[in-house]
N, C-alpha and C. Protein backbone atom coordinates (compact mmCIF):
# COMPACT_ATOMS: atom_id res chain seq x y z
N MET A 1 28.94 -3.09 5.25
CA MET A 1 28.80 -2.04 4.23
C MET A 1 28.72 -0.69 4.92
N SER A 2 29.58 0.26 4.55
CA SER A 2 29.59 1.57 5.16
C SER A 2 28.43 2.41 4.66
N GLN A 3 28.14 3.50 5.39
CA GLN A 3 27.04 4.37 5.03
C GLN A 3 27.20 4.91 3.61
N LYS A 4 28.43 5.28 3.24
CA LYS A 4 28.64 5.88 1.92
C LYS A 4 28.48 4.87 0.80
N ASP A 5 28.62 3.56 1.10
CA ASP A 5 28.47 2.53 0.07
C ASP A 5 27.03 2.08 -0.10
N ARG A 6 26.16 2.51 0.81
CA ARG A 6 24.77 2.09 0.72
C ARG A 6 24.01 2.92 -0.30
N GLY A 7 23.00 2.29 -0.88
CA GLY A 7 22.11 3.04 -1.75
C GLY A 7 21.03 3.71 -0.92
N ALA A 8 19.95 4.07 -1.57
CA ALA A 8 18.83 4.69 -0.87
C ALA A 8 18.17 3.65 0.05
N LEU A 9 17.38 4.15 0.99
CA LEU A 9 16.69 3.27 1.93
C LEU A 9 15.32 2.89 1.35
N ILE A 10 15.03 1.60 1.35
CA ILE A 10 13.72 1.11 0.93
C ILE A 10 12.93 0.74 2.17
N ALA A 11 11.70 1.21 2.27
CA ALA A 11 10.88 0.95 3.46
C ALA A 11 9.49 0.49 3.05
N LEU A 12 8.94 -0.43 3.85
CA LEU A 12 7.56 -0.87 3.70
C LEU A 12 6.78 -0.14 4.78
N LEU A 13 5.87 0.72 4.36
CA LEU A 13 5.19 1.64 5.26
C LEU A 13 3.68 1.42 5.22
N GLU A 14 3.09 1.16 6.38
CA GLU A 14 1.63 1.01 6.47
C GLU A 14 1.05 2.23 7.17
N VAL A 15 -0.01 2.79 6.61
CA VAL A 15 -0.68 3.93 7.24
C VAL A 15 -2.19 3.68 7.24
N SER A 16 -2.88 4.38 8.13
CA SER A 16 -4.34 4.30 8.21
C SER A 16 -4.90 5.68 7.91
N ARG A 17 -5.77 5.74 6.94
CA ARG A 17 -6.42 7.01 6.62
C ARG A 17 -7.76 6.71 5.94
N GLY A 18 -8.68 7.66 6.04
CA GLY A 18 -10.02 7.41 5.51
C GLY A 18 -10.50 8.48 4.56
N ASN A 19 -9.57 9.29 4.02
CA ASN A 19 -10.02 10.38 3.16
C ASN A 19 -9.55 10.26 1.72
N CYS A 20 -9.31 9.03 1.26
CA CYS A 20 -9.02 8.80 -0.15
C CYS A 20 -10.35 8.54 -0.85
N PRO A 21 -10.81 9.41 -1.74
CA PRO A 21 -12.13 9.24 -2.35
C PRO A 21 -12.26 7.97 -3.20
N VAL A 22 -11.18 7.57 -3.85
CA VAL A 22 -11.25 6.37 -4.70
C VAL A 22 -11.39 5.11 -3.85
N THR A 23 -10.57 5.01 -2.81
CA THR A 23 -10.66 3.85 -1.92
C THR A 23 -11.99 3.81 -1.19
N ASN A 24 -12.46 4.96 -0.76
CA ASN A 24 -13.76 5.01 -0.07
C ASN A 24 -14.89 4.54 -0.98
N TYR A 25 -14.84 4.95 -2.25
CA TYR A 25 -15.86 4.49 -3.19
C TYR A 25 -15.74 2.99 -3.41
N ALA A 26 -14.50 2.52 -3.62
CA ALA A 26 -14.28 1.10 -3.88
C ALA A 26 -14.80 0.23 -2.73
N SER A 27 -14.54 0.65 -1.50
CA SER A 27 -14.97 -0.13 -0.35
C SER A 27 -16.49 -0.06 -0.16
N SER A 28 -17.12 1.01 -0.66
CA SER A 28 -18.57 1.15 -0.49
C SER A 28 -19.37 0.19 -1.35
N ILE A 29 -18.74 -0.35 -2.41
CA ILE A 29 -19.48 -1.26 -3.29
C ILE A 29 -19.34 -2.72 -2.85
N ASN A 30 -18.65 -2.92 -1.71
CA ASN A 30 -18.62 -4.22 -1.04
C ASN A 30 -18.17 -5.36 -1.95
N GLU A 31 -17.01 -5.20 -2.54
CA GLU A 31 -16.46 -6.29 -3.34
C GLU A 31 -14.94 -6.17 -3.34
N GLU A 32 -14.28 -7.21 -3.87
CA GLU A 32 -12.84 -7.15 -3.99
C GLU A 32 -12.45 -6.03 -4.96
N PHE A 33 -11.45 -5.26 -4.60
CA PHE A 33 -11.05 -4.17 -5.47
C PHE A 33 -9.55 -3.98 -5.38
N ASN A 34 -9.02 -3.27 -6.34
CA ASN A 34 -7.60 -2.94 -6.32
C ASN A 34 -7.44 -1.47 -6.66
N VAL A 35 -6.80 -0.73 -5.78
CA VAL A 35 -6.51 0.68 -6.01
C VAL A 35 -5.01 0.87 -5.84
N GLU A 36 -4.39 1.49 -6.81
CA GLU A 36 -2.95 1.75 -6.74
C GLU A 36 -2.70 3.22 -7.07
N GLN A 37 -1.80 3.84 -6.31
CA GLN A 37 -1.44 5.22 -6.58
C GLN A 37 -0.36 5.25 -7.65
N LEU A 38 -0.68 5.75 -8.84
CA LEU A 38 0.27 5.76 -9.95
C LEU A 38 1.20 6.97 -9.90
N LYS A 39 0.63 8.13 -9.60
CA LYS A 39 1.40 9.36 -9.56
C LYS A 39 0.89 10.22 -8.42
N ILE A 40 1.75 10.45 -7.43
CA ILE A 40 1.34 11.16 -6.23
C ILE A 40 1.82 12.61 -6.28
N GLY A 41 0.92 13.52 -5.96
CA GLY A 41 1.27 14.93 -5.92
C GLY A 41 0.73 15.57 -4.65
N GLU A 42 1.21 16.76 -4.33
CA GLU A 42 0.74 17.44 -3.14
C GLU A 42 -0.71 17.86 -3.25
N SER A 43 -1.17 18.14 -4.47
CA SER A 43 -2.55 18.57 -4.66
C SER A 43 -3.43 17.51 -5.32
N LYS A 44 -2.87 16.76 -6.28
CA LYS A 44 -3.65 15.76 -6.99
C LYS A 44 -2.87 14.44 -7.09
N THR A 45 -3.61 13.34 -7.09
CA THR A 45 -3.02 12.01 -7.21
C THR A 45 -3.75 11.21 -8.28
N LEU A 46 -2.98 10.50 -9.09
CA LEU A 46 -3.55 9.64 -10.13
C LEU A 46 -3.58 8.21 -9.63
N HIS A 47 -4.77 7.59 -9.64
CA HIS A 47 -4.96 6.22 -9.17
C HIS A 47 -5.28 5.29 -10.33
N ARG A 48 -4.92 4.03 -10.15
CA ARG A 48 -5.43 2.97 -11.02
C ARG A 48 -6.49 2.21 -10.22
N PHE A 49 -7.69 2.13 -10.74
CA PHE A 49 -8.80 1.47 -10.05
C PHE A 49 -9.27 0.30 -10.90
N GLU A 50 -9.25 -0.90 -10.33
CA GLU A 50 -9.67 -2.12 -11.05
C GLU A 50 -10.93 -2.67 -10.42
N THR A 51 -11.91 -3.00 -11.25
CA THR A 51 -13.14 -3.60 -10.76
C THR A 51 -13.78 -4.41 -11.87
N GLU A 52 -14.55 -5.42 -11.51
CA GLU A 52 -15.26 -6.24 -12.48
C GLU A 52 -16.69 -5.75 -12.70
N ARG A 53 -17.06 -4.67 -12.02
CA ARG A 53 -18.41 -4.14 -12.16
C ARG A 53 -18.62 -3.53 -13.54
N ASP A 54 -19.89 -3.40 -13.93
CA ASP A 54 -20.25 -2.85 -15.22
C ASP A 54 -19.75 -1.41 -15.35
N VAL A 55 -19.13 -1.11 -16.49
CA VAL A 55 -18.54 0.21 -16.72
C VAL A 55 -19.60 1.31 -16.60
N GLN A 56 -20.78 1.08 -17.13
CA GLN A 56 -21.82 2.10 -17.10
C GLN A 56 -22.30 2.40 -15.69
N GLU A 57 -22.11 1.45 -14.79
CA GLU A 57 -22.46 1.68 -13.39
C GLU A 57 -21.35 2.44 -12.66
N VAL A 58 -20.11 2.09 -12.94
CA VAL A 58 -18.97 2.63 -12.21
C VAL A 58 -18.56 4.02 -12.69
N LEU A 59 -18.54 4.22 -14.00
CA LEU A 59 -18.01 5.45 -14.57
C LEU A 59 -18.66 6.73 -14.02
N PRO A 60 -20.00 6.84 -13.99
CA PRO A 60 -20.61 8.08 -13.48
C PRO A 60 -20.23 8.38 -12.03
N LYS A 61 -20.07 7.34 -11.22
CA LYS A 61 -19.72 7.54 -9.81
C LYS A 61 -18.27 7.98 -9.66
N LEU A 62 -17.39 7.43 -10.51
CA LEU A 62 -16.00 7.86 -10.48
C LEU A 62 -15.87 9.31 -10.96
N GLN A 63 -16.67 9.68 -11.92
CA GLN A 63 -16.62 11.06 -12.43
C GLN A 63 -17.03 12.06 -11.35
N LYS A 64 -17.92 11.66 -10.47
CA LYS A 64 -18.39 12.57 -9.40
C LYS A 64 -17.30 12.85 -8.37
N ILE A 65 -16.42 11.89 -8.14
CA ILE A 65 -15.42 12.05 -7.08
C ILE A 65 -14.06 12.46 -7.61
N SER A 66 -13.92 12.62 -8.94
CA SER A 66 -12.61 12.85 -9.53
C SER A 66 -12.55 14.16 -10.30
N THR A 67 -11.32 14.57 -10.58
CA THR A 67 -11.12 15.71 -11.46
C THR A 67 -11.02 15.25 -12.91
N SER A 68 -10.66 14.00 -13.10
CA SER A 68 -10.66 13.38 -14.43
C SER A 68 -10.63 11.87 -14.28
N VAL A 69 -11.19 11.16 -15.24
CA VAL A 69 -11.20 9.70 -15.22
C VAL A 69 -11.09 9.18 -16.64
N MET A 70 -10.28 8.13 -16.82
CA MET A 70 -10.10 7.54 -18.14
C MET A 70 -10.12 6.02 -18.01
N ARG A 71 -10.87 5.39 -18.88
CA ARG A 71 -10.91 3.93 -18.87
C ARG A 71 -9.64 3.38 -19.51
N VAL A 72 -9.05 2.36 -18.88
CA VAL A 72 -7.84 1.73 -19.38
C VAL A 72 -8.03 0.22 -19.34
N GLY A 73 -8.06 -0.42 -20.51
CA GLY A 73 -8.27 -1.86 -20.55
C GLY A 73 -9.72 -2.23 -20.28
N LYS A 74 -9.94 -3.50 -20.03
CA LYS A 74 -11.30 -4.03 -19.87
C LYS A 74 -11.93 -3.63 -18.55
N SER A 75 -11.17 -3.63 -17.48
CA SER A 75 -11.77 -3.41 -16.15
C SER A 75 -11.03 -2.36 -15.33
N GLY A 76 -10.22 -1.53 -16.00
CA GLY A 76 -9.43 -0.56 -15.26
C GLY A 76 -9.77 0.88 -15.59
N PHE A 77 -9.47 1.75 -14.64
CA PHE A 77 -9.66 3.18 -14.82
C PHE A 77 -8.45 3.91 -14.22
N TRP A 78 -8.07 5.01 -14.85
CA TRP A 78 -7.13 5.93 -14.25
C TRP A 78 -7.96 7.09 -13.73
N VAL A 79 -7.88 7.32 -12.42
CA VAL A 79 -8.74 8.30 -11.77
C VAL A 79 -7.88 9.33 -11.05
N GLU A 80 -8.02 10.58 -11.42
CA GLU A 80 -7.30 11.65 -10.76
C GLU A 80 -8.22 12.35 -9.76
N THR A 81 -7.75 12.50 -8.53
CA THR A 81 -8.55 13.17 -7.49
C THR A 81 -7.67 14.12 -6.70
N GLN A 82 -8.30 14.88 -5.82
CA GLN A 82 -7.54 15.66 -4.85
C GLN A 82 -6.76 14.68 -3.97
N SER A 83 -5.53 15.01 -3.66
CA SER A 83 -4.69 14.11 -2.87
C SER A 83 -5.24 13.95 -1.45
N CYS A 84 -5.18 12.72 -0.94
CA CYS A 84 -5.55 12.47 0.44
C CYS A 84 -4.41 12.95 1.35
N SER A 85 -4.62 12.87 2.64
CA SER A 85 -3.63 13.37 3.60
C SER A 85 -2.28 12.65 3.47
N THR A 86 -2.31 11.35 3.27
CA THR A 86 -1.06 10.59 3.15
C THR A 86 -0.29 10.98 1.90
N CYS A 87 -0.97 11.03 0.78
CA CYS A 87 -0.30 11.36 -0.48
C CYS A 87 0.29 12.77 -0.44
N THR A 88 -0.42 13.70 0.20
CA THR A 88 0.08 15.06 0.32
C THR A 88 1.41 15.09 1.08
N ILE A 89 1.48 14.34 2.18
CA ILE A 89 2.71 14.31 2.99
C ILE A 89 3.84 13.60 2.24
N LEU A 90 3.53 12.48 1.58
CA LEU A 90 4.56 11.75 0.84
C LEU A 90 5.14 12.62 -0.28
N ALA A 91 4.26 13.31 -0.98
CA ALA A 91 4.71 14.15 -2.10
C ALA A 91 5.59 15.30 -1.62
N SER A 92 5.28 15.86 -0.46
CA SER A 92 6.06 16.99 0.06
C SER A 92 7.35 16.54 0.74
N SER A 93 7.50 15.23 0.94
CA SER A 93 8.68 14.70 1.64
C SER A 93 9.73 14.16 0.68
N HIS A 94 9.55 14.36 -0.61
CA HIS A 94 10.52 13.91 -1.63
C HIS A 94 10.76 12.40 -1.54
N VAL A 95 9.66 11.67 -1.38
CA VAL A 95 9.70 10.21 -1.31
C VAL A 95 9.35 9.64 -2.68
N VAL A 96 10.04 8.59 -3.07
CA VAL A 96 9.68 7.87 -4.29
C VAL A 96 8.80 6.69 -3.88
N VAL A 97 7.57 6.66 -4.36
CA VAL A 97 6.66 5.56 -4.05
C VAL A 97 6.85 4.49 -5.13
N LEU A 98 7.41 3.34 -4.73
CA LEU A 98 7.69 2.26 -5.68
C LEU A 98 6.45 1.43 -5.97
N SER A 99 5.59 1.28 -4.96
CA SER A 99 4.34 0.55 -5.16
C SER A 99 3.42 0.87 -4.00
N SER A 100 2.14 0.61 -4.19
CA SER A 100 1.17 0.81 -3.12
C SER A 100 0.09 -0.24 -3.24
N ARG A 101 -0.50 -0.61 -2.11
CA ARG A 101 -1.53 -1.65 -2.11
C ARG A 101 -2.49 -1.41 -0.95
N ASN A 102 -3.77 -1.41 -1.25
CA ASN A 102 -4.76 -1.26 -0.19
C ASN A 102 -4.94 -2.58 0.54
N LEU A 103 -4.80 -2.55 1.87
CA LEU A 103 -5.03 -3.73 2.68
C LEU A 103 -6.52 -3.87 2.99
N ASP A 104 -7.19 -2.75 3.20
CA ASP A 104 -8.65 -2.71 3.37
C ASP A 104 -9.06 -1.26 3.12
N SER A 105 -10.29 -0.90 3.51
CA SER A 105 -10.80 0.43 3.21
C SER A 105 -10.05 1.55 3.94
N LYS A 106 -9.34 1.23 5.00
CA LYS A 106 -8.65 2.24 5.80
C LYS A 106 -7.12 2.16 5.71
N ARG A 107 -6.59 0.96 5.56
CA ARG A 107 -5.15 0.78 5.63
C ARG A 107 -4.54 0.60 4.24
N ILE A 108 -3.41 1.25 4.05
CA ILE A 108 -2.71 1.14 2.77
C ILE A 108 -1.23 0.87 3.03
N LEU A 109 -0.65 0.07 2.17
CA LEU A 109 0.75 -0.33 2.29
C LEU A 109 1.54 0.31 1.15
N TYR A 110 2.54 1.09 1.51
CA TYR A 110 3.41 1.73 0.53
C TYR A 110 4.80 1.10 0.60
N ARG A 111 5.41 0.90 -0.53
CA ARG A 111 6.83 0.58 -0.60
C ARG A 111 7.51 1.82 -1.14
N ILE A 112 8.34 2.44 -0.33
CA ILE A 112 8.91 3.73 -0.69
C ILE A 112 10.43 3.69 -0.72
N MET A 113 11.00 4.64 -1.45
CA MET A 113 12.45 4.85 -1.45
C MET A 113 12.70 6.24 -0.89
N ILE A 114 13.59 6.34 0.09
CA ILE A 114 13.88 7.61 0.75
C ILE A 114 15.38 7.68 1.01
N GLN A 115 15.90 8.88 1.22
CA GLN A 115 17.36 9.05 1.27
C GLN A 115 18.03 8.23 2.36
N ASN A 116 17.52 8.27 3.58
CA ASN A 116 18.20 7.61 4.69
C ASN A 116 17.24 7.46 5.88
N GLU A 117 17.75 6.86 6.96
CA GLU A 117 16.92 6.61 8.13
C GLU A 117 16.45 7.90 8.79
N SER A 118 17.29 8.91 8.77
CA SER A 118 16.92 10.18 9.37
C SER A 118 15.70 10.79 8.66
N LYS A 119 15.71 10.74 7.34
CA LYS A 119 14.59 11.27 6.56
C LYS A 119 13.34 10.42 6.80
N LEU A 120 13.53 9.11 6.96
CA LEU A 120 12.40 8.23 7.23
C LEU A 120 11.78 8.55 8.58
N ASN A 121 12.60 8.83 9.57
CA ASN A 121 12.09 9.20 10.89
C ASN A 121 11.29 10.49 10.85
N VAL A 122 11.76 11.45 10.06
CA VAL A 122 11.04 12.72 9.91
C VAL A 122 9.69 12.47 9.25
N LEU A 123 9.69 11.62 8.21
CA LEU A 123 8.44 11.28 7.52
C LEU A 123 7.46 10.60 8.47
N GLU A 124 7.96 9.65 9.24
CA GLU A 124 7.10 8.93 10.19
C GLU A 124 6.49 9.90 11.19
N LYS A 125 7.26 10.85 11.66
CA LYS A 125 6.75 11.83 12.63
C LYS A 125 5.68 12.71 11.99
N SER A 126 5.87 13.09 10.74
CA SER A 126 4.87 13.91 10.04
C SER A 126 3.57 13.15 9.89
N LEU A 127 3.66 11.87 9.58
CA LEU A 127 2.46 11.05 9.44
C LEU A 127 1.76 10.87 10.78
N GLU A 128 2.55 10.68 11.84
CA GLU A 128 1.98 10.55 13.19
C GLU A 128 1.24 11.83 13.59
N ASN A 129 1.84 12.97 13.33
CA ASN A 129 1.23 14.25 13.69
C ASN A 129 -0.08 14.48 12.94
N ALA A 130 -0.20 13.86 11.77
CA ALA A 130 -1.43 14.00 10.98
C ALA A 130 -2.48 12.95 11.37
N GLY A 131 -2.16 12.12 12.37
CA GLY A 131 -3.11 11.11 12.83
C GLY A 131 -3.25 9.91 11.91
N LEU A 132 -2.20 9.60 11.14
CA LEU A 132 -2.29 8.54 10.14
C LEU A 132 -1.74 7.19 10.61
N LYS A 133 -1.32 7.12 11.87
CA LYS A 133 -0.89 5.87 12.49
C LYS A 133 0.11 5.08 11.64
N PRO A 134 1.25 5.67 11.32
CA PRO A 134 2.22 4.97 10.47
C PRO A 134 2.90 3.81 11.19
N SER A 135 3.24 2.79 10.42
CA SER A 135 3.98 1.66 10.95
C SER A 135 5.03 1.25 9.92
N ILE A 136 6.30 1.31 10.31
CA ILE A 136 7.39 0.89 9.43
C ILE A 136 7.55 -0.63 9.59
N LEU A 137 7.16 -1.39 8.60
CA LEU A 137 7.15 -2.85 8.70
C LEU A 137 8.50 -3.46 8.35
N GLU A 138 9.24 -2.78 7.49
CA GLU A 138 10.50 -3.37 7.02
C GLU A 138 11.34 -2.28 6.38
N THR A 139 12.64 -2.35 6.57
CA THR A 139 13.56 -1.44 5.89
C THR A 139 14.76 -2.22 5.37
N GLU A 140 15.32 -1.73 4.29
CA GLU A 140 16.54 -2.31 3.73
C GLU A 140 17.20 -1.26 2.86
N TYR A 141 18.50 -1.32 2.75
CA TYR A 141 19.17 -0.43 1.82
C TYR A 141 19.16 -1.06 0.43
N GLU A 142 19.03 -0.21 -0.54
CA GLU A 142 18.90 -0.64 -1.93
C GLU A 142 20.07 -1.51 -2.34
N THR A 143 19.73 -2.68 -2.90
CA THR A 143 20.74 -3.57 -3.45
C THR A 143 20.30 -4.00 -4.83
N HIS A 144 21.19 -4.59 -5.58
CA HIS A 144 20.86 -4.97 -6.95
C HIS A 144 20.69 -6.47 -7.12
N SER A 145 21.22 -7.26 -6.19
CA SER A 145 21.10 -8.70 -6.39
C SER A 145 20.98 -9.49 -5.09
N LEU A 146 21.52 -8.97 -3.97
CA LEU A 146 21.53 -9.74 -2.74
C LEU A 146 20.17 -9.70 -2.05
N LEU A 147 19.73 -10.84 -1.55
CA LEU A 147 18.48 -10.91 -0.81
C LEU A 147 18.69 -10.43 0.62
N THR A 148 17.70 -9.74 1.16
CA THR A 148 17.73 -9.38 2.57
C THR A 148 17.43 -10.64 3.39
N GLU A 149 17.70 -10.58 4.68
CA GLU A 149 17.41 -11.72 5.54
C GLU A 149 15.92 -12.05 5.52
N ARG A 150 15.09 -11.02 5.47
CA ARG A 150 13.64 -11.24 5.43
C ARG A 150 13.23 -11.92 4.13
N GLU A 151 13.80 -11.50 3.02
CA GLU A 151 13.48 -12.12 1.74
C GLU A 151 13.92 -13.58 1.72
N LYS A 152 15.10 -13.86 2.28
CA LYS A 152 15.58 -15.24 2.36
C LYS A 152 14.61 -16.10 3.16
N GLU A 153 14.17 -15.57 4.29
CA GLU A 153 13.25 -16.31 5.16
C GLU A 153 11.95 -16.63 4.45
N VAL A 154 11.38 -15.64 3.78
CA VAL A 154 10.11 -15.82 3.09
C VAL A 154 10.24 -16.84 1.95
N VAL A 155 11.31 -16.71 1.16
CA VAL A 155 11.52 -17.64 0.05
C VAL A 155 11.69 -19.07 0.56
N LYS A 156 12.45 -19.24 1.65
CA LYS A 156 12.69 -20.58 2.20
C LYS A 156 11.39 -21.21 2.70
N VAL A 157 10.57 -20.43 3.42
CA VAL A 157 9.32 -20.97 3.95
C VAL A 157 8.38 -21.33 2.80
N ALA A 158 8.25 -20.44 1.81
CA ALA A 158 7.37 -20.71 0.67
C ALA A 158 7.84 -21.94 -0.08
N TYR A 159 9.14 -22.06 -0.30
CA TYR A 159 9.70 -23.21 -1.02
C TYR A 159 9.50 -24.49 -0.21
N GLY A 160 9.78 -24.42 1.07
CA GLY A 160 9.67 -25.61 1.92
C GLY A 160 8.27 -26.17 2.02
N HIS A 161 7.27 -25.31 1.85
CA HIS A 161 5.87 -25.76 1.94
C HIS A 161 5.25 -26.02 0.57
N GLY A 162 6.07 -26.00 -0.49
CA GLY A 162 5.59 -26.39 -1.81
C GLY A 162 4.90 -25.29 -2.59
N TYR A 163 5.15 -24.03 -2.26
CA TYR A 163 4.48 -22.94 -2.98
C TYR A 163 4.90 -22.89 -4.44
N PHE A 164 6.15 -23.28 -4.74
CA PHE A 164 6.66 -23.18 -6.10
C PHE A 164 6.48 -24.46 -6.91
N GLU A 165 5.83 -25.48 -6.33
CA GLU A 165 5.59 -26.72 -7.05
C GLU A 165 4.58 -26.50 -8.18
N PRO A 166 4.67 -27.27 -9.29
CA PRO A 166 3.72 -27.13 -10.40
C PRO A 166 2.26 -27.26 -9.94
N ASP A 167 2.02 -28.21 -9.03
CA ASP A 167 0.69 -28.37 -8.45
C ASP A 167 0.70 -27.70 -7.07
N ARG A 168 0.84 -26.41 -7.05
CA ARG A 168 1.05 -25.62 -5.83
C ARG A 168 0.35 -26.23 -4.62
N LYS A 169 1.15 -26.58 -3.59
CA LYS A 169 0.63 -27.31 -2.44
C LYS A 169 0.14 -26.38 -1.32
N ILE A 170 0.38 -25.09 -1.47
CA ILE A 170 -0.02 -24.15 -0.44
C ILE A 170 -0.26 -22.79 -1.10
N SER A 171 -1.22 -22.07 -0.60
CA SER A 171 -1.52 -20.75 -1.17
C SER A 171 -0.68 -19.68 -0.48
N MET A 172 -0.62 -18.51 -1.10
CA MET A 172 0.12 -17.41 -0.49
C MET A 172 -0.52 -17.00 0.84
N THR A 173 -1.85 -17.07 0.89
CA THR A 173 -2.55 -16.74 2.13
C THR A 173 -2.15 -17.68 3.25
N GLU A 174 -1.98 -18.98 2.92
CA GLU A 174 -1.59 -19.96 3.93
C GLU A 174 -0.14 -19.75 4.38
N VAL A 175 0.73 -19.38 3.44
CA VAL A 175 2.12 -19.07 3.80
C VAL A 175 2.14 -17.86 4.73
N ALA A 176 1.33 -16.84 4.40
CA ALA A 176 1.26 -15.64 5.23
C ALA A 176 0.78 -15.98 6.63
N HIS A 177 -0.17 -16.91 6.72
CA HIS A 177 -0.68 -17.33 8.03
C HIS A 177 0.42 -18.02 8.84
N ILE A 178 1.22 -18.84 8.19
CA ILE A 178 2.33 -19.52 8.87
C ILE A 178 3.33 -18.51 9.41
N MET A 179 3.59 -17.47 8.61
CA MET A 179 4.59 -16.48 9.00
C MET A 179 4.01 -15.33 9.83
N LYS A 180 2.69 -15.39 10.03
CA LYS A 180 1.98 -14.40 10.85
C LYS A 180 2.17 -12.97 10.32
N VAL A 181 1.99 -12.83 9.00
CA VAL A 181 2.03 -11.52 8.36
C VAL A 181 0.83 -11.43 7.43
N SER A 182 0.55 -10.23 6.93
CA SER A 182 -0.56 -10.07 6.00
C SER A 182 -0.17 -10.63 4.63
N THR A 183 -1.17 -11.08 3.88
CA THR A 183 -0.91 -11.62 2.55
C THR A 183 -0.28 -10.59 1.62
N PRO A 184 -0.78 -9.32 1.58
CA PRO A 184 -0.14 -8.33 0.72
C PRO A 184 1.33 -8.09 1.07
N SER A 185 1.64 -8.07 2.37
CA SER A 185 3.02 -7.86 2.80
C SER A 185 3.91 -9.01 2.34
N LEU A 186 3.43 -10.25 2.53
CA LEU A 186 4.19 -11.42 2.11
C LEU A 186 4.40 -11.39 0.60
N SER A 187 3.34 -11.08 -0.14
CA SER A 187 3.42 -11.04 -1.60
C SER A 187 4.48 -10.06 -2.06
N ASP A 188 4.56 -8.91 -1.42
CA ASP A 188 5.54 -7.90 -1.80
C ASP A 188 6.96 -8.38 -1.55
N VAL A 189 7.20 -8.99 -0.39
CA VAL A 189 8.54 -9.48 -0.06
C VAL A 189 8.94 -10.63 -0.97
N LEU A 190 8.00 -11.55 -1.22
CA LEU A 190 8.29 -12.71 -2.07
C LEU A 190 8.58 -12.28 -3.50
N ARG A 191 7.81 -11.32 -3.99
CA ARG A 191 8.02 -10.82 -5.35
C ARG A 191 9.40 -10.20 -5.50
N ARG A 192 9.81 -9.39 -4.51
CA ARG A 192 11.11 -8.75 -4.59
C ARG A 192 12.24 -9.77 -4.51
N GLY A 193 12.07 -10.77 -3.63
CA GLY A 193 13.11 -11.78 -3.48
C GLY A 193 13.29 -12.61 -4.73
N THR A 194 12.19 -13.06 -5.31
CA THR A 194 12.29 -13.89 -6.51
C THR A 194 12.81 -13.08 -7.70
N LYS A 195 12.44 -11.80 -7.76
CA LYS A 195 12.95 -10.95 -8.84
C LYS A 195 14.46 -10.82 -8.76
N LYS A 196 14.99 -10.65 -7.54
CA LYS A 196 16.44 -10.53 -7.37
C LYS A 196 17.14 -11.83 -7.78
N MET A 197 16.56 -12.99 -7.41
CA MET A 197 17.17 -14.26 -7.75
C MET A 197 17.17 -14.48 -9.27
N ILE A 198 16.06 -14.13 -9.91
CA ILE A 198 15.98 -14.28 -11.36
C ILE A 198 16.98 -13.36 -12.05
N LYS A 199 17.07 -12.12 -11.57
CA LYS A 199 18.02 -11.16 -12.15
C LYS A 199 19.44 -11.66 -12.00
N ASN A 200 19.77 -12.18 -10.83
CA ASN A 200 21.10 -12.70 -10.59
C ASN A 200 21.41 -13.87 -11.52
N TYR A 201 20.41 -14.74 -11.74
CA TYR A 201 20.59 -15.89 -12.62
C TYR A 201 20.82 -15.43 -14.06
N VAL A 202 19.96 -14.51 -14.52
CA VAL A 202 20.07 -14.00 -15.90
C VAL A 202 21.39 -13.29 -16.11
N ASP A 203 21.79 -12.45 -15.15
CA ASP A 203 23.04 -11.68 -15.29
C ASP A 203 24.26 -12.59 -15.35
N ASN A 204 24.20 -13.75 -14.70
CA ASN A 204 25.39 -14.59 -14.59
C ASN A 204 25.36 -15.82 -15.49
N ARG A 205 24.20 -16.13 -16.07
CA ARG A 205 24.11 -17.34 -16.89
C ARG A 205 23.86 -17.05 -18.38
N PHE A 206 23.38 -15.89 -18.71
CA PHE A 206 23.03 -15.60 -20.10
C PHE A 206 23.98 -14.55 -20.68
């Protein structure tokens, strides 16, 4: 495939930073949590924060660290705060953030869309200069149905060990251990691969 026939570049990007107020609060309560960046801006970022803690306990603390907070659903909040260092750089780099996932209190995994490898290299350098320790875990050019080699590998290993069986014979964490990758990273690759296969099936069979 020539350069002109390729779509945008999709990259899995891991960074380390400690100045996200929502993630810092979530990690301080010492429990499983989920924080996702919904809308990233150079000055402010909107997060989705999920927790099973009592709303009356969580809400006042979120209000202290945010510019606005809104409850969404039973255990979710949309929390707007000043952008952390990573979000500020991503927003100024014209990057499309497709998804984000906190690996722990310091590390976050972004799946981004960017114009090309040259732009990705510039972004990586900007993150390095800011002390955010970026790591490009995976790259692929945008496709609509074909699986990448990495997606094929993950799907084959998961299938071979019985992950898709009705009585699931192995957990995603165990598959990740076999492949020596983090569970969130494996989950992201597996989700994308299966989505492409389902789309291909639907497009050609229905």
